[in-house]
């Protein structure tokens, strides 16, 4: 029985775990991060080139798209500003139709509407702060 114990020791010593060095692991992580960043920048450039990025539609030309509302899979309403005039256009896969020429332009910059979720969160935070302040005051009395 002692023979098996001594004989097994050299067999276990010859088996070494396959552990990579810290430098090699750090290099692999760094190269992976570089690859992901390169992929992100490439996709962003492609989206901008193909005009898929938001804000590219009506950038700084004489014709600006102010608002887009989707009506279906291929139908849209567009509010377009050409110089001083604003037009409401109906766009389908077959044609573009001028639906209305606005006499008084809509100023979207003045319109200060908060998204519903943002408003909900702000109201909740105010309410939550008031509740915690009240509970702290009750606890200190």
N, C-alpha and C. Protein backbone atom coordinates (compact mmCIF):
# COMPACT_ATOMS: atom_id res chain seq x y z
N UNK A 1 0.81 -1.18 0.00
CA UNK A 1 0.00 0.00 0.00
C UNK A 1 0.86 1.26 0.00
N UNK A 2 1.95 1.24 0.68
CA UNK A 2 2.87 2.36 0.66
C UNK A 2 3.44 2.58 -0.72
N UNK A 3 3.59 1.52 -1.43
CA UNK A 3 4.11 1.62 -2.79
C UNK A 3 3.21 2.48 -3.67
N UNK A 4 1.90 2.30 -3.56
CA UNK A 4 0.97 3.08 -4.37
C UNK A 4 0.99 4.57 -4.01
N UNK A 5 1.19 4.87 -2.76
CA UNK A 5 1.26 6.27 -2.36
C UNK A 5 2.50 6.95 -2.91
N UNK A 6 3.63 6.27 -2.85
CA UNK A 6 4.85 6.86 -3.38
C UNK A 6 4.85 6.89 -4.90
N UNK A 7 4.23 5.92 -5.51
CA UNK A 7 4.17 5.87 -6.96
C UNK A 7 3.23 6.94 -7.50
N UNK A 8 2.19 7.29 -6.77
CA UNK A 8 1.22 8.28 -7.23
C UNK A 8 1.76 9.70 -7.13
N UNK A 9 2.70 9.91 -6.25
CA UNK A 9 3.21 11.26 -6.05
C UNK A 9 3.87 11.84 -7.30
N UNK A 10 4.75 11.13 -7.98
CA UNK A 10 5.34 11.70 -9.19
C UNK A 10 4.31 11.90 -10.30
N UNK A 11 3.27 11.08 -10.36
CA UNK A 11 2.25 11.26 -11.39
C UNK A 11 1.49 12.57 -11.17
N UNK A 12 1.17 12.87 -9.92
CA UNK A 12 0.45 14.11 -9.63
C UNK A 12 1.34 15.33 -9.83
N UNK A 13 2.61 15.18 -9.57
CA UNK A 13 3.53 16.31 -9.74
C UNK A 13 3.73 16.65 -11.20
N UNK A 14 3.59 15.68 -12.09
CA UNK A 14 3.81 15.96 -13.52
C UNK A 14 2.62 16.67 -14.15
N UNK A 15 1.45 16.60 -13.52
CA UNK A 15 0.26 17.27 -14.05
C UNK A 15 0.23 18.68 -13.50
N UNK A 16 0.39 19.66 -14.36
CA UNK A 16 0.36 21.07 -13.93
C UNK A 16 -0.90 21.72 -14.49
N UNK A 17 -1.52 22.57 -13.70
CA UNK A 17 -2.72 23.25 -14.20
C UNK A 17 -2.37 24.22 -15.33
N UNK A 18 -3.27 24.37 -16.29
CA UNK A 18 -3.05 25.25 -17.44
C UNK A 18 -3.52 26.65 -17.05
N UNK A 19 -2.66 27.41 -16.41
CA UNK A 19 -2.99 28.74 -15.93
C UNK A 19 -2.20 29.76 -16.74
N UNK A 20 -2.89 30.72 -17.34
CA UNK A 20 -2.21 31.76 -18.11
C UNK A 20 -1.65 32.80 -17.15
N UNK A 21 -0.60 33.44 -17.57
CA UNK A 21 0.01 34.46 -16.73
C UNK A 21 -0.89 35.70 -16.70
N UNK A 22 -0.68 36.52 -15.70
CA UNK A 22 -1.49 37.73 -15.54
C UNK A 22 -1.30 38.68 -16.71
N UNK A 23 -0.09 38.78 -17.21
CA UNK A 23 0.18 39.67 -18.35
C UNK A 23 -0.55 39.22 -19.60
N UNK A 24 -0.58 37.92 -19.85
CA UNK A 24 -1.28 37.40 -21.03
C UNK A 24 -2.77 37.62 -20.91
N UNK A 25 -3.31 37.44 -19.71
CA UNK A 25 -4.73 37.66 -19.48
C UNK A 25 -5.09 39.14 -19.66
N UNK A 26 -4.27 40.03 -19.13
CA UNK A 26 -4.51 41.46 -19.28
C UNK A 26 -4.45 41.87 -20.75
N UNK A 27 -3.52 41.29 -21.49
CA UNK A 27 -3.40 41.59 -22.92
C UNK A 27 -4.65 41.15 -23.67
N UNK A 28 -5.17 39.97 -23.35
CA UNK A 28 -6.38 39.48 -24.01
C UNK A 28 -7.57 40.37 -23.71
N UNK A 29 -7.71 40.81 -22.45
CA UNK A 29 -8.81 41.69 -22.07
C UNK A 29 -8.69 43.03 -22.80
N UNK A 30 -7.48 43.59 -22.85
CA UNK A 30 -7.25 44.87 -23.52
C UNK A 30 -7.56 44.77 -25.01
N UNK A 31 -7.13 43.70 -25.65
CA UNK A 31 -7.40 43.54 -27.09
C UNK A 31 -8.90 43.33 -27.34
N UNK A 32 -9.57 42.64 -26.46
CA UNK A 32 -11.02 42.48 -26.59
C UNK A 32 -11.74 43.81 -26.47
N UNK A 33 -11.31 44.63 -25.50
CA UNK A 33 -11.90 45.96 -25.34
C UNK A 33 -11.64 46.82 -26.57
N UNK A 34 -10.45 46.77 -27.11
CA UNK A 34 -10.13 47.52 -28.31
C UNK A 34 -11.00 47.09 -29.48
N UNK A 35 -11.22 45.79 -29.60
CA UNK A 35 -12.06 45.27 -30.68
C UNK A 35 -13.50 45.75 -30.54
N UNK A 36 -14.03 45.75 -29.33
CA UNK A 36 -15.41 46.22 -29.11
C UNK A 36 -15.52 47.71 -29.42
N UNK A 37 -14.55 48.51 -28.96
CA UNK A 37 -14.58 49.95 -29.26
C UNK A 37 -14.47 50.22 -30.75
N UNK A 38 -13.62 49.50 -31.43
CA UNK A 38 -13.47 49.64 -32.88
C UNK A 38 -14.78 49.30 -33.59
N UNK A 39 -15.43 48.24 -33.13
CA UNK A 39 -16.71 47.85 -33.71
C UNK A 39 -17.78 48.92 -33.48
N UNK A 40 -17.80 49.51 -32.28
CA UNK A 40 -18.77 50.57 -31.98
C UNK A 40 -18.57 51.78 -32.88
N UNK A 41 -17.32 52.23 -33.01
CA UNK A 41 -17.05 53.40 -33.84
C UNK A 41 -17.35 53.11 -35.32
N UNK A 42 -17.07 51.91 -35.76
CA UNK A 42 -17.36 51.54 -37.14
C UNK A 42 -18.86 51.55 -37.40
N UNK A 43 -19.65 51.00 -36.48
CA UNK A 43 -21.10 51.00 -36.64
C UNK A 43 -21.68 52.42 -36.56
N UNK A 44 -21.12 53.26 -35.71
CA UNK A 44 -21.58 54.65 -35.63
C UNK A 44 -21.28 55.39 -36.93
N UNK A 45 -20.10 55.17 -37.48
CA UNK A 45 -19.76 55.81 -38.75
C UNK A 45 -20.69 55.32 -39.86
N UNK A 46 -20.96 54.02 -39.87
CA UNK A 46 -21.85 53.45 -40.88
C UNK A 46 -23.27 54.03 -40.75
N UNK A 47 -23.76 54.15 -39.52
CA UNK A 47 -25.10 54.70 -39.30
C UNK A 47 -25.16 56.15 -39.76
N UNK A 48 -24.11 56.91 -39.50
CA UNK A 48 -24.08 58.30 -39.95
C UNK A 48 -24.00 58.38 -41.47
N UNK A 49 -23.21 57.52 -42.04
CA UNK A 49 -23.04 57.50 -43.50
C UNK A 49 -24.34 57.12 -44.20
N UNK A 50 -25.08 56.20 -43.60
CA UNK A 50 -26.34 55.75 -44.20
C UNK A 50 -27.54 56.56 -43.69
N UNK A 51 -27.27 57.62 -42.94
CA UNK A 51 -28.29 58.52 -42.40
C UNK A 51 -29.29 57.78 -41.50
N UNK A 52 -28.78 56.89 -40.66
CA UNK A 52 -29.61 56.19 -39.71
C UNK A 52 -29.57 56.84 -38.34
N UNK A 53 -28.58 57.70 -38.10
CA UNK A 53 -28.43 58.34 -36.81
C UNK A 53 -29.45 59.45 -36.66
N UNK A 54 -30.03 59.63 -35.45
CA UNK A 54 -30.99 60.72 -35.24
C UNK A 54 -30.29 62.06 -35.32
N UNK A 55 -30.99 63.05 -35.82
CA UNK A 55 -30.43 64.38 -35.93
C UNK A 55 -29.74 64.64 -37.25
N UNK A 56 -29.49 63.61 -38.01
CA UNK A 56 -28.80 63.79 -39.29
C UNK A 56 -29.78 64.24 -40.36
N UNK A 57 -31.07 63.93 -40.18
CA UNK A 57 -32.08 64.23 -41.20
C UNK A 57 -32.11 65.72 -41.52
N UNK A 58 -32.32 66.54 -40.52
CA UNK A 58 -32.42 67.97 -40.77
C UNK A 58 -31.29 68.71 -40.11
N UNK A 59 -30.09 68.48 -40.53
CA UNK A 59 -28.95 69.05 -39.83
C UNK A 59 -28.89 70.57 -39.97
N UNK A 60 -28.13 71.09 -40.89
CA UNK A 60 -27.99 72.55 -40.97
C UNK A 60 -28.15 73.05 -42.40
N UNK A 61 -29.08 72.50 -43.12
CA UNK A 61 -29.29 72.94 -44.49
C UNK A 61 -30.50 73.88 -44.54
N UNK A 62 -30.87 74.29 -45.73
CA UNK A 62 -32.02 75.19 -45.89
C UNK A 62 -33.33 74.45 -45.65
N UNK A 63 -33.32 73.16 -45.81
CA UNK A 63 -34.51 72.34 -45.57
C UNK A 63 -34.27 71.53 -44.30
N UNK A 64 -35.18 71.70 -43.32
CA UNK A 64 -35.03 70.98 -42.06
C UNK A 64 -36.29 70.19 -41.75
N UNK A 65 -36.11 68.98 -41.29
CA UNK A 65 -37.22 68.17 -40.81
C UNK A 65 -37.38 68.46 -39.33
N UNK A 66 -38.49 69.05 -38.95
CA UNK A 66 -38.71 69.43 -37.56
C UNK A 66 -39.31 68.30 -36.73
N UNK A 67 -40.24 67.54 -37.33
CA UNK A 67 -40.89 66.45 -36.59
C UNK A 67 -41.32 65.37 -37.57
N UNK A 68 -41.31 64.13 -37.09
CA UNK A 68 -41.74 62.99 -37.89
C UNK A 68 -42.69 62.17 -37.03
N UNK A 69 -43.84 61.81 -37.61
CA UNK A 69 -44.80 60.97 -36.91
C UNK A 69 -45.16 59.80 -37.82
N UNK A 70 -44.95 58.59 -37.32
CA UNK A 70 -45.22 57.41 -38.12
C UNK A 70 -46.70 57.06 -38.03
N UNK A 71 -47.32 56.83 -39.18
CA UNK A 71 -48.74 56.46 -39.24
C UNK A 71 -48.95 54.98 -39.50
N UNK A 72 -47.96 54.35 -40.04
CA UNK A 72 -48.04 52.93 -40.36
C UNK A 72 -46.66 52.42 -40.69
N UNK A 73 -46.61 51.29 -41.37
CA UNK A 73 -45.30 50.73 -41.69
C UNK A 73 -44.54 51.57 -42.71
N UNK A 74 -45.26 52.20 -43.63
CA UNK A 74 -44.59 53.01 -44.66
C UNK A 74 -45.16 54.42 -44.80
N UNK A 75 -46.07 54.80 -43.92
CA UNK A 75 -46.68 56.12 -44.01
C UNK A 75 -46.19 56.99 -42.86
N UNK A 76 -45.88 58.24 -43.18
CA UNK A 76 -45.38 59.18 -42.17
C UNK A 76 -45.97 60.57 -42.41
N UNK A 77 -46.03 61.34 -41.35
CA UNK A 77 -46.29 62.77 -41.43
C UNK A 77 -45.00 63.48 -41.09
N UNK A 78 -44.63 64.45 -41.91
CA UNK A 78 -43.40 65.21 -41.67
C UNK A 78 -43.74 66.68 -41.56
N UNK A 79 -43.16 67.33 -40.57
CA UNK A 79 -43.23 68.78 -40.47
C UNK A 79 -41.88 69.29 -40.94
N UNK A 80 -41.89 69.99 -42.06
CA UNK A 80 -40.66 70.42 -42.71
C UNK A 80 -40.62 71.93 -42.77
N UNK A 81 -39.44 72.49 -42.50
CA UNK A 81 -39.27 73.93 -42.62
C UNK A 81 -38.35 74.21 -43.80
N UNK A 82 -38.86 75.04 -44.72
CA UNK A 82 -38.09 75.47 -45.88
C UNK A 82 -38.01 76.99 -45.79
N UNK A 83 -36.84 77.49 -45.42
CA UNK A 83 -36.70 78.92 -45.22
C UNK A 83 -37.56 79.36 -44.05
N UNK A 84 -38.54 80.23 -44.31
CA UNK A 84 -39.45 80.71 -43.27
C UNK A 84 -40.77 79.96 -43.25
N UNK A 85 -41.01 79.13 -44.24
CA UNK A 85 -42.29 78.41 -44.35
C UNK A 85 -42.19 77.03 -43.71
N UNK A 86 -43.33 76.60 -43.12
CA UNK A 86 -43.41 75.25 -42.59
C UNK A 86 -44.50 74.50 -43.34
N UNK A 87 -44.20 73.27 -43.72
CA UNK A 87 -45.12 72.45 -44.49
C UNK A 87 -45.38 71.14 -43.74
N UNK A 88 -46.63 70.68 -43.81
CA UNK A 88 -46.97 69.37 -43.29
C UNK A 88 -47.08 68.45 -44.49
N UNK A 89 -46.21 67.45 -44.54
CA UNK A 89 -46.16 66.55 -45.69
C UNK A 89 -46.62 65.16 -45.29
N UNK A 90 -47.36 64.53 -46.20
CA UNK A 90 -47.74 63.13 -46.04
C UNK A 90 -46.84 62.31 -46.95
N UNK A 91 -46.14 61.34 -46.38
CA UNK A 91 -45.18 60.55 -47.14
C UNK A 91 -45.61 59.10 -47.11
N UNK A 92 -45.75 58.51 -48.31
CA UNK A 92 -46.02 57.09 -48.44
C UNK A 92 -44.91 56.47 -49.28
N UNK A 93 -45.01 55.19 -49.54
CA UNK A 93 -43.98 54.55 -50.36
C UNK A 93 -44.10 54.97 -51.82
N UNK A 94 -45.26 55.50 -52.22
CA UNK A 94 -45.49 55.87 -53.61
C UNK A 94 -45.34 57.36 -53.89
N UNK A 95 -45.68 58.22 -52.91
CA UNK A 95 -45.68 59.66 -53.19
C UNK A 95 -45.51 60.49 -51.93
N UNK A 96 -45.26 61.78 -52.15
CA UNK A 96 -45.19 62.77 -51.09
C UNK A 96 -46.22 63.84 -51.42
N UNK A 97 -47.09 64.14 -50.45
CA UNK A 97 -48.17 65.09 -50.67
C UNK A 97 -48.09 66.20 -49.64
N UNK A 98 -48.21 67.46 -50.10
CA UNK A 98 -48.27 68.60 -49.19
C UNK A 98 -49.69 68.67 -48.64
N UNK A 99 -49.84 68.38 -47.36
CA UNK A 99 -51.16 68.37 -46.75
C UNK A 99 -51.60 69.75 -46.27
N UNK A 100 -50.64 70.52 -45.78
CA UNK A 100 -51.00 71.83 -45.24
C UNK A 100 -49.78 72.73 -45.21
N UNK A 101 -50.00 74.01 -45.49
CA UNK A 101 -48.95 75.01 -45.38
C UNK A 101 -49.30 75.87 -44.18
N UNK A 102 -48.50 75.83 -43.15
CA UNK A 102 -48.81 76.54 -41.90
C UNK A 102 -48.60 78.04 -42.08
N UNK A 103 -49.61 78.79 -41.69
CA UNK A 103 -49.51 80.25 -41.78
C UNK A 103 -48.68 80.80 -40.62
N UNK A 104 -48.88 80.25 -39.43
CA UNK A 104 -48.06 80.64 -38.28
C UNK A 104 -47.14 79.47 -37.94
N UNK A 105 -45.84 79.65 -38.08
CA UNK A 105 -44.90 78.55 -37.83
C UNK A 105 -44.95 78.07 -36.38
N UNK A 106 -44.78 76.80 -36.21
CA UNK A 106 -44.73 76.20 -34.88
C UNK A 106 -43.29 76.28 -34.39
N UNK A 107 -43.10 76.86 -33.20
CA UNK A 107 -41.76 76.96 -32.62
C UNK A 107 -41.60 75.81 -31.64
N UNK A 108 -40.89 74.78 -32.06
CA UNK A 108 -40.71 73.60 -31.22
C UNK A 108 -39.75 73.86 -30.06
N UNK A 109 -38.91 74.88 -30.16
CA UNK A 109 -37.98 75.18 -29.08
C UNK A 109 -38.71 75.73 -27.86
N UNK A 110 -39.80 76.46 -28.06
CA UNK A 110 -40.56 77.04 -26.95
C UNK A 110 -41.38 75.98 -26.22
N UNK A 111 -41.76 74.95 -26.94
CA UNK A 111 -42.60 73.92 -26.36
C UNK A 111 -41.78 73.14 -25.34
N UNK A 112 -42.12 73.28 -24.05
CA UNK A 112 -41.36 72.65 -22.98
C UNK A 112 -42.18 71.53 -22.35
N UNK A 113 -42.26 70.42 -23.06
CA UNK A 113 -42.98 69.28 -22.52
C UNK A 113 -41.97 68.24 -22.09
N UNK A 114 -42.17 67.71 -20.89
CA UNK A 114 -41.28 66.68 -20.39
C UNK A 114 -41.85 65.33 -20.74
N UNK A 115 -40.99 64.39 -21.04
CA UNK A 115 -41.49 63.04 -21.30
C UNK A 115 -42.20 62.50 -20.06
N UNK A 116 -43.16 61.64 -20.26
CA UNK A 116 -43.98 61.13 -19.17
C UNK A 116 -43.14 60.43 -18.11
N UNK A 117 -42.20 59.61 -18.51
CA UNK A 117 -41.38 58.88 -17.55
C UNK A 117 -40.51 59.83 -16.74
N UNK A 118 -39.93 60.82 -17.41
CA UNK A 118 -39.09 61.77 -16.71
C UNK A 118 -39.91 62.56 -15.69
N UNK A 119 -41.11 62.97 -16.07
CA UNK A 119 -41.99 63.70 -15.15
C UNK A 119 -42.37 62.81 -13.98
N UNK A 120 -42.69 61.54 -14.24
CA UNK A 120 -43.05 60.61 -13.18
C UNK A 120 -41.91 60.45 -12.18
N UNK A 121 -40.69 60.28 -12.68
CA UNK A 121 -39.54 60.09 -11.80
C UNK A 121 -39.26 61.34 -10.97
N UNK A 122 -39.40 62.52 -11.56
CA UNK A 122 -39.17 63.75 -10.80
C UNK A 122 -40.22 63.91 -9.71
N UNK A 123 -41.48 63.62 -10.03
CA UNK A 123 -42.54 63.69 -9.02
C UNK A 123 -42.29 62.68 -7.91
N UNK A 124 -41.87 61.48 -8.28
CA UNK A 124 -41.62 60.43 -7.30
C UNK A 124 -40.46 60.81 -6.38
N UNK A 125 -39.40 61.40 -6.96
CA UNK A 125 -38.26 61.82 -6.14
C UNK A 125 -38.65 62.90 -5.15
N UNK A 126 -39.44 63.87 -5.60
CA UNK A 126 -39.88 64.95 -4.71
C UNK A 126 -40.72 64.37 -3.59
N UNK A 127 -41.64 63.47 -3.93
CA UNK A 127 -42.51 62.85 -2.94
C UNK A 127 -41.70 61.99 -1.97
N UNK A 128 -40.73 61.26 -2.50
CA UNK A 128 -39.90 60.40 -1.67
C UNK A 128 -39.03 61.22 -0.73
N UNK A 129 -38.48 62.33 -1.20
CA UNK A 129 -37.67 63.19 -0.34
C UNK A 129 -38.52 63.77 0.78
N UNK A 130 -39.76 64.16 0.44
CA UNK A 130 -40.65 64.72 1.47
C UNK A 130 -40.97 63.66 2.52
N UNK A 131 -41.16 62.42 2.12
CA UNK A 131 -41.47 61.33 3.04
C UNK A 131 -40.28 61.04 3.95
N UNK A 132 -39.08 60.99 3.38
CA UNK A 132 -37.91 60.70 4.20
C UNK A 132 -37.59 61.85 5.13
N UNK A 133 -37.84 63.09 4.71
CA UNK A 133 -37.61 64.25 5.57
C UNK A 133 -38.57 64.21 6.74
N UNK A 134 -39.84 63.88 6.50
CA UNK A 134 -40.84 63.79 7.56
C UNK A 134 -40.48 62.70 8.56
N UNK A 135 -40.03 61.54 8.05
CA UNK A 135 -39.69 60.44 8.95
C UNK A 135 -38.45 60.76 9.78
N UNK A 136 -37.50 61.52 9.23
CA UNK A 136 -36.30 61.91 9.98
C UNK A 136 -36.69 62.91 11.09
N UNK A 137 -37.63 63.82 10.78
CA UNK A 137 -38.06 64.79 11.77
C UNK A 137 -38.79 64.10 12.91
N UNK A 138 -39.62 63.11 12.59
CA UNK A 138 -40.34 62.38 13.63
C UNK A 138 -39.38 61.57 14.49
N UNK A 139 -38.34 61.04 13.87
CA UNK A 139 -37.36 60.24 14.60
C UNK A 139 -36.50 61.09 15.52
N UNK A 140 -36.26 62.35 15.17
CA UNK A 140 -35.41 63.22 15.99
C UNK A 140 -36.17 63.82 17.17
N UNK A 141 -37.51 63.79 17.13
CA UNK A 141 -38.30 64.38 18.22
C UNK A 141 -38.43 63.47 19.39
